[in-house]
């Protein structure tokens, strides 16, 4: 069964299938869809969520879960976050799980957009038979104001089209960042009537959080010293590290997608159009894409996922220093790039 992302909420109000694959190159909407499925699974009796990054060893936990289920009678949610299409060893394990007579557990697989060849494979067809594939399409530049307006109304906000344009330009197509700012506006300005161009301009000008975007620009341009100074300033100002780390991970996912497309023959113009890179930011991303190959950006994304665990207390370490080290590598500092592929 194939479902559009905008249909998922209605689908889950009526049913919950054993397995869902959520694919697309819009990380915010992909993760939002996964969260909706996760919430429904817990309502249905799931007692534990097991999050994996999608290595072959991770997928082997599906078999382990089936062996132990009959002993403990608990329902688990296995969630896999992949940075690329599953490899054969992984898809064999997925199909094996789907072929079981009963699936007491639930599975969610998040990955980048799938190609036609993948959709004709046996493992994909098996998912389609017992579960669902949710395709997430990028919000194109022309569609972004409408998307922001719809989100604003969801949070009870009334925003003029001019004010929406300011927010769209400032967040530069980053749906996660735009959504976070709308949520903050809902907290601070929900009862102030319509948010017009002047109010939005003042909000942006007085909002120190937008310094995070300037820091990321410096990092992607290879200005490591400036990026670190800005990061240290944000730490001193009390900016939550989780928000910074989330935006760093967003940029890394975007770079993974763009570098993969570039290495598979797409021109930079096509890459930028498909990933909704604004004209003003194209030079910045072009600089970053010359720095590392796709595999290296994927390794850096894995580091950001480890940082996420550290911030949540699931892994030992100094999260601020780890974030600083990650940004130095992103900016091209070789002495911090041990283990990063440079070919």
Protein backbone atom coordinates (compact mmCIF):
# COMPACT_ATOMS: atom_id res chain seq x y z
CA UNK A 1 0.00 0.00 0.00
CA UNK A 2 1.32 3.41 -0.94
CA UNK A 3 0.26 6.48 1.02
CA UNK A 4 1.03 10.15 0.49
CA UNK A 5 2.56 11.88 3.50
CA UNK A 6 -0.45 14.20 3.80
CA UNK A 7 -2.75 11.13 4.00
CA UNK A 8 -0.83 9.43 6.80
CA UNK A 9 -2.70 11.01 9.71
CA UNK A 10 -6.06 9.85 8.33
CA UNK A 11 -4.67 6.38 7.60
CA UNK A 12 -3.35 5.96 11.15
CA UNK A 13 -6.70 7.00 12.61
CA UNK A 14 -8.13 3.83 11.04
CA UNK A 15 -5.30 1.32 10.95
CA UNK A 16 -1.71 0.45 11.92
CA UNK A 17 0.24 -1.87 9.63
CA UNK A 18 3.20 -4.07 10.69
CA UNK A 19 5.80 -2.21 8.63
CA UNK A 20 6.20 1.24 7.14
CA UNK A 21 8.88 2.59 4.83
CA UNK A 22 9.13 6.38 4.78
CA UNK A 23 11.33 7.65 1.98
CA UNK A 24 12.21 11.07 0.64
CA UNK A 25 14.77 13.86 0.67
CA UNK A 26 12.89 16.12 3.09
CA UNK A 27 14.23 14.99 6.51
CA UNK A 28 11.80 17.06 8.58
CA UNK A 29 8.68 15.58 6.96
CA UNK A 30 10.21 12.08 6.97
CA UNK A 31 10.85 12.27 10.71
CA UNK A 32 7.47 13.83 11.35
CA UNK A 33 5.82 10.88 9.59
CA UNK A 34 7.91 8.47 11.67
CA UNK A 35 6.82 10.25 14.85
CA UNK A 36 3.16 9.90 13.88
CA UNK A 37 3.60 6.15 13.34
CA UNK A 38 5.54 5.86 16.59
CA UNK A 39 2.78 7.59 18.55
CA UNK A 40 0.12 5.29 17.08
CA UNK A 41 2.25 2.21 17.83
CA UNK A 42 2.48 3.12 21.52
CA UNK A 43 -1.27 3.66 21.58
CA UNK A 44 -1.62 0.14 20.21
CA UNK A 45 0.41 -1.43 23.03
CA UNK A 46 4.05 -1.12 22.01
CA UNK A 47 6.17 -1.06 25.16
CA UNK A 48 9.61 -0.20 23.79
CA UNK A 49 11.08 1.68 20.83
CA UNK A 50 14.42 0.43 19.51
CA UNK A 51 16.21 2.96 17.33
CA UNK A 52 18.97 1.89 14.95
CA UNK A 53 21.03 3.63 12.28
CA UNK A 54 20.52 0.84 9.75
CA UNK A 55 23.69 -1.25 9.54
CA UNK A 56 23.37 -4.91 8.57
CA UNK A 57 24.06 -5.82 12.21
CA UNK A 58 21.19 -3.55 13.25
CA UNK A 59 18.71 -5.33 10.98
CA UNK A 60 19.71 -8.65 12.54
CA UNK A 61 17.89 -7.45 15.67
CA UNK A 62 14.64 -8.11 13.81
CA UNK A 63 15.31 -11.84 13.96
CA UNK A 64 16.33 -11.61 17.62
CA UNK A 65 13.12 -9.78 18.40
CA UNK A 66 11.02 -12.50 16.85
CA UNK A 67 12.81 -15.21 18.81
CA UNK A 68 12.26 -13.49 22.16
CA UNK A 69 8.73 -12.21 21.57
CA UNK A 70 7.00 -15.46 22.48
CA UNK A 71 8.91 -15.60 25.77
CA UNK A 72 8.16 -12.09 27.03
CA UNK A 73 4.96 -11.21 25.12
CA UNK A 74 6.07 -7.62 24.64
CA UNK A 75 5.59 -5.52 21.53
CA UNK A 76 8.53 -3.54 20.19
CA UNK A 77 8.88 -0.81 17.61
CA UNK A 78 12.03 -1.20 15.51
CA UNK A 79 12.94 2.10 13.87
CA UNK A 80 15.77 2.29 11.33
CA UNK A 81 17.21 5.56 10.03
CA UNK A 82 19.20 5.05 6.86
CA UNK A 83 21.33 7.52 4.91
CA UNK A 84 21.11 5.44 1.72
CA UNK A 85 18.96 2.74 0.11
CA UNK A 86 19.26 -0.57 2.04
CA UNK A 87 21.93 -2.97 0.82
CA UNK A 88 21.19 -6.56 -0.21
CA UNK A 89 22.21 -8.09 3.12
CA UNK A 90 19.83 -5.66 4.84
CA UNK A 91 16.96 -6.16 2.41
CA UNK A 92 17.26 -9.94 2.82
CA UNK A 93 16.67 -9.50 6.55
CA UNK A 94 13.75 -7.13 5.93
CA UNK A 95 12.10 -9.62 3.55
CA UNK A 96 12.72 -12.46 6.01
CA UNK A 97 10.89 -10.49 8.69
CA UNK A 98 8.01 -9.71 6.33
CA UNK A 99 7.71 -13.39 5.37
CA UNK A 100 7.01 -14.49 8.95
CA UNK A 101 3.50 -15.83 9.48
CA UNK A 102 2.82 -13.23 12.15
CA UNK A 103 4.40 -9.88 12.97
CA UNK A 104 3.80 -8.99 16.60
CA UNK A 105 6.28 -6.12 16.41
CA UNK A 106 6.21 -3.00 14.26
CA UNK A 107 8.93 -1.69 11.95
CA UNK A 108 9.59 1.79 10.56
CA UNK A 109 12.34 2.30 7.98
CA UNK A 110 13.32 5.87 7.06
CA UNK A 111 15.56 6.39 4.04
CA UNK A 112 16.24 8.75 1.12
CA UNK A 113 14.05 8.73 -1.98
CA UNK A 114 13.79 5.35 -3.72
CA UNK A 115 14.40 4.85 -7.44
CA UNK A 116 12.30 2.78 -9.87
CA UNK A 117 14.66 -0.18 -9.71
CA UNK A 118 14.32 -0.43 -5.95
CA UNK A 119 10.52 -0.31 -6.21
CA UNK A 120 10.59 -3.35 -8.49
CA UNK A 121 12.61 -5.46 -6.03
CA UNK A 122 11.13 -8.41 -4.15
CA UNK A 123 11.77 -6.97 -0.68
CA UNK A 124 10.05 -3.68 -1.56
CA UNK A 125 7.03 -5.49 -3.00
CA UNK A 126 6.81 -7.56 0.19
CA UNK A 127 6.68 -4.39 2.29
CA UNK A 128 4.00 -3.04 -0.04
CA UNK A 129 1.94 -6.21 0.49
CA UNK A 130 1.83 -6.27 4.29
CA UNK A 131 2.67 -2.66 5.09
CA UNK A 132 2.93 0.72 3.47
CA UNK A 133 5.38 2.97 1.68
CA UNK A 134 5.04 6.68 2.39
CA UNK A 135 6.75 8.85 -0.20
CA UNK A 136 7.78 12.30 0.96
CA UNK A 137 8.22 14.85 -1.81
CA UNK A 138 10.31 17.99 -1.27
CA UNK A 139 8.46 21.26 -0.79
CA UNK A 140 9.50 23.26 -3.84
CA UNK A 141 10.50 26.90 -3.55
CA UNK A 142 7.24 28.14 -5.04
CA UNK A 143 5.28 25.92 -2.64
CA UNK A 144 7.13 27.01 0.51
CA UNK A 145 5.01 30.11 1.37
CA UNK A 146 1.84 28.03 1.13
CA UNK A 147 3.41 25.32 3.31
CA UNK A 148 4.45 27.89 5.91
CA UNK A 149 1.00 29.50 5.89
CA UNK A 150 -0.65 26.10 6.44
CA UNK A 151 1.72 25.36 9.33
CA UNK A 152 1.10 28.78 10.84
CA UNK A 153 -2.67 28.21 10.83
CA UNK A 154 -2.10 24.81 12.44
CA UNK A 155 -0.46 26.63 15.37
CA UNK A 156 -3.24 29.21 15.53
CA UNK A 157 -1.22 31.99 13.90
CA UNK A 158 -2.35 34.55 11.35
CA UNK A 159 0.60 35.79 9.27
CA UNK A 160 0.53 38.09 6.26
CA UNK A 161 2.04 36.92 2.97
CA UNK A 162 4.82 39.53 3.29
CA UNK A 163 5.74 38.25 6.75
CA UNK A 164 5.69 34.65 5.47
CA UNK A 165 8.15 35.67 2.75
CA UNK A 166 10.56 37.08 5.33
CA UNK A 167 10.50 33.84 7.32
CA UNK A 168 10.94 31.76 4.16
CA UNK A 169 13.98 33.76 3.10
CA UNK A 170 15.56 33.74 6.57
CA UNK A 171 15.20 30.00 7.10
CA UNK A 172 16.22 29.36 3.47
CA UNK A 173 13.98 26.37 2.85
CA UNK A 174 14.93 24.55 6.07
CA UNK A 175 11.51 23.19 7.05
CA UNK A 176 12.68 22.09 10.48
CA UNK A 177 14.00 25.55 11.33
CA UNK A 178 10.91 27.26 9.89
CA UNK A 179 8.61 24.99 11.89
CA UNK A 180 10.55 25.67 15.09
CA UNK A 181 10.27 29.42 14.56
CA UNK A 182 6.53 29.14 13.93
CA UNK A 183 6.16 27.21 17.19
CA UNK A 184 8.06 29.94 19.05
CA UNK A 185 5.96 32.62 17.41
CA UNK A 186 2.85 30.74 18.55
CA UNK A 187 4.11 30.84 22.13
CA UNK A 188 5.07 34.51 22.15
CA UNK A 189 2.71 36.17 19.66
CA UNK A 190 -0.37 33.97 19.29
CA UNK A 191 -2.65 36.44 21.05
CA UNK A 192 -1.30 39.56 19.34
CA UNK A 193 -3.45 39.33 16.23
CA UNK A 194 -2.06 39.14 12.72
CA UNK A 195 1.72 39.03 12.41
CA UNK A 196 2.65 41.55 9.73
CA UNK A 197 5.85 42.33 7.86
CA UNK A 198 7.18 44.74 10.50
CA UNK A 199 6.57 42.42 13.43
CA UNK A 200 8.27 39.53 11.59
CA UNK A 201 11.22 41.71 10.62
CA UNK A 202 11.65 42.80 14.25
CA UNK A 203 11.36 39.19 15.42
CA UNK A 204 14.09 38.05 13.04
CA UNK A 205 16.37 41.03 13.79
CA UNK A 206 16.13 40.54 17.57
CA UNK A 207 16.36 36.76 17.50
CA UNK A 208 19.83 35.58 18.46
CA UNK A 209 18.93 32.05 17.37
CA UNK A 210 19.36 33.08 13.75
CA UNK A 211 23.06 33.31 14.55
CA UNK A 212 23.08 29.52 14.24
CA UNK A 213 22.47 29.83 10.50
CA UNK A 214 25.35 32.29 10.10
CA UNK A 215 27.59 29.90 12.03
CA UNK A 216 26.63 27.03 9.73
CA UNK A 217 27.34 29.18 6.67
CA UNK A 218 30.84 29.89 8.00
CA UNK A 219 31.35 26.19 8.63
CA UNK A 220 30.25 25.15 5.14
CA UNK A 221 32.43 27.84 3.57
CA UNK A 222 35.44 26.38 5.39
CA UNK A 223 35.91 29.29 7.82
CA UNK A 224 36.56 27.07 10.82
CA UNK A 225 37.81 29.82 13.14
CA UNK A 226 34.71 31.98 12.65
CA UNK A 227 32.39 28.98 13.02
CA UNK A 228 33.99 27.94 16.33
CA UNK A 229 33.92 31.50 17.70
CA UNK A 230 30.22 31.74 16.90
CA UNK A 231 29.56 28.30 18.42
CA UNK A 232 31.30 29.32 21.65
CA UNK A 233 29.30 32.56 21.69
CA UNK A 234 26.04 30.64 21.28
CA UNK A 235 27.03 28.35 24.16
CA UNK A 236 27.72 31.37 26.40
CA UNK A 237 24.37 32.92 25.43
CA UNK A 238 22.58 29.76 26.56
CA UNK A 239 21.48 28.47 23.16
CA UNK A 240 20.30 24.84 23.62
CA UNK A 241 22.86 22.45 22.16
CA UNK A 242 20.12 20.12 20.95
CA UNK A 243 18.76 22.79 18.62
CA UNK A 244 22.21 23.49 17.17
CA UNK A 245 22.98 19.78 16.78
CA UNK A 246 19.63 19.21 15.08
CA UNK A 247 20.35 21.91 12.50
CA UNK A 248 23.87 20.55 11.94
CA UNK A 249 22.38 17.09 11.30
CA UNK A 250 19.89 18.65 8.87
CA UNK A 251 22.73 20.20 6.88
CA UNK A 252 24.66 16.93 6.87
CA UNK A 253 21.67 14.99 5.54
CA UNK A 254 21.28 17.60 2.82
CA UNK A 255 24.97 17.34 1.93
CA UNK A 256 24.72 13.54 1.84
CA UNK A 257 21.87 13.79 -0.64
CA UNK A 258 23.53 16.45 -2.79
CA UNK A 259 26.95 14.80 -2.88
CA UNK A 260 25.40 11.44 -3.81
CA UNK A 261 23.49 13.03 -6.70
CA UNK A 262 26.59 14.91 -7.84
CA UNK A 263 28.69 11.74 -7.84
CA UNK A 264 26.01 9.96 -9.88
CA UNK A 265 26.16 12.45 -12.69
CA UNK A 266 23.78 15.27 -11.77
CA UNK A 267 24.96 18.80 -12.49
CA UNK A 268 25.20 21.28 -9.64
CA UNK A 269 22.25 23.20 -11.12
CA UNK A 270 20.07 20.09 -10.93
CA UNK A 271 21.39 19.19 -7.47
CA UNK A 272 20.58 22.65 -6.14
CA UNK A 273 17.12 22.66 -7.71
CA UNK A 274 16.23 19.19 -6.36
CA UNK A 275 17.41 20.13 -2.85
CA UNK A 276 15.83 23.58 -2.87
CA UNK A 277 19.06 25.52 -2.40
CA UNK A 278 18.43 29.25 -2.63
CA UNK A 279 20.53 31.28 -5.06
CA UNK A 280 22.28 33.11 -2.22
CA UNK A 281 23.38 29.80 -0.67
CA UNK A 282 24.60 27.98 -3.79
CA UNK A 283 28.19 29.23 -3.50
CA UNK A 284 28.29 28.05 0.12
CA UNK A 285 27.10 24.53 -0.69
CA UNK A 286 29.32 24.32 -3.77
CA UNK A 287 32.31 25.00 -1.53
CA UNK A 288 31.29 22.26 0.91
CA UNK A 289 30.62 19.69 -1.82
CA UNK A 290 34.17 20.12 -3.12
CA UNK A 291 35.55 19.29 0.32
CA UNK A 292 34.46 15.67 0.76
CA UNK A 293 32.92 12.82 -1.24
CA UNK A 294 29.47 11.42 -0.41
CA UNK A 295 30.87 8.65 1.78
CA UNK A 296 32.65 11.16 4.00
CA UNK A 297 29.49 13.23 4.49
CA UNK A 298 27.69 10.02 5.47
CA UNK A 299 30.39 9.34 8.08
CA UNK A 300 30.00 12.86 9.42
CA UNK A 301 26.25 12.32 9.64
CA UNK A 302 26.92 9.21 11.72
CA UNK A 303 29.05 11.35 14.05
CA UNK A 304 26.14 13.75 14.43
CA UNK A 305 23.87 10.84 15.37
CA UNK A 306 26.38 9.79 18.03
CA UNK A 307 26.36 13.39 19.27
CA UNK A 308 22.58 13.20 19.57
CA UNK A 309 22.97 10.17 21.85
CA UNK A 310 25.57 12.02 23.91
CA UNK A 311 23.28 15.02 24.41
CA UNK A 312 20.50 12.68 25.54
CA UNK A 313 22.79 10.95 28.04
CA UNK A 314 22.89 7.69 26.11
CA UNK A 315 26.60 8.01 25.37
CA UNK A 316 29.48 9.33 27.49
CA UNK A 317 31.32 12.48 26.41
CA UNK A 318 31.44 16.27 26.35
CA UNK A 319 28.71 17.21 23.88
CA UNK A 320 29.87 20.80 23.27
CA UNK A 321 33.45 19.74 22.53
CA UNK A 322 32.17 16.91 20.33
CA UNK A 323 29.99 19.36 18.40
CA UNK A 324 32.94 21.73 18.00
CA UNK A 325 35.10 18.89 16.68
CA UNK A 326 32.38 17.86 14.24
CA UNK A 327 32.09 21.39 12.89
CA UNK A 328 35.85 21.67 12.49
CA UNK A 329 35.80 18.53 10.35
CA UNK A 330 32.90 19.86 8.32
CA UNK A 331 34.93 23.03 7.73
CA UNK A 332 37.87 20.96 6.46
CA UNK A 333 40.31 20.92 9.39
CA UNK A 334 42.36 17.80 8.58
CA UNK A 335 43.69 17.25 12.10
CA UNK A 336 40.13 16.54 13.31
CA UNK A 337 39.20 14.36 10.33
CA UNK A 338 40.65 11.02 11.44
CA UNK A 339 38.74 8.20 9.75
CA UNK A 340 37.00 10.47 7.24
CA UNK A 341 37.31 9.32 3.64
CA UNK A 342 38.96 11.97 1.48
CA UNK A 343 39.00 10.20 -1.89
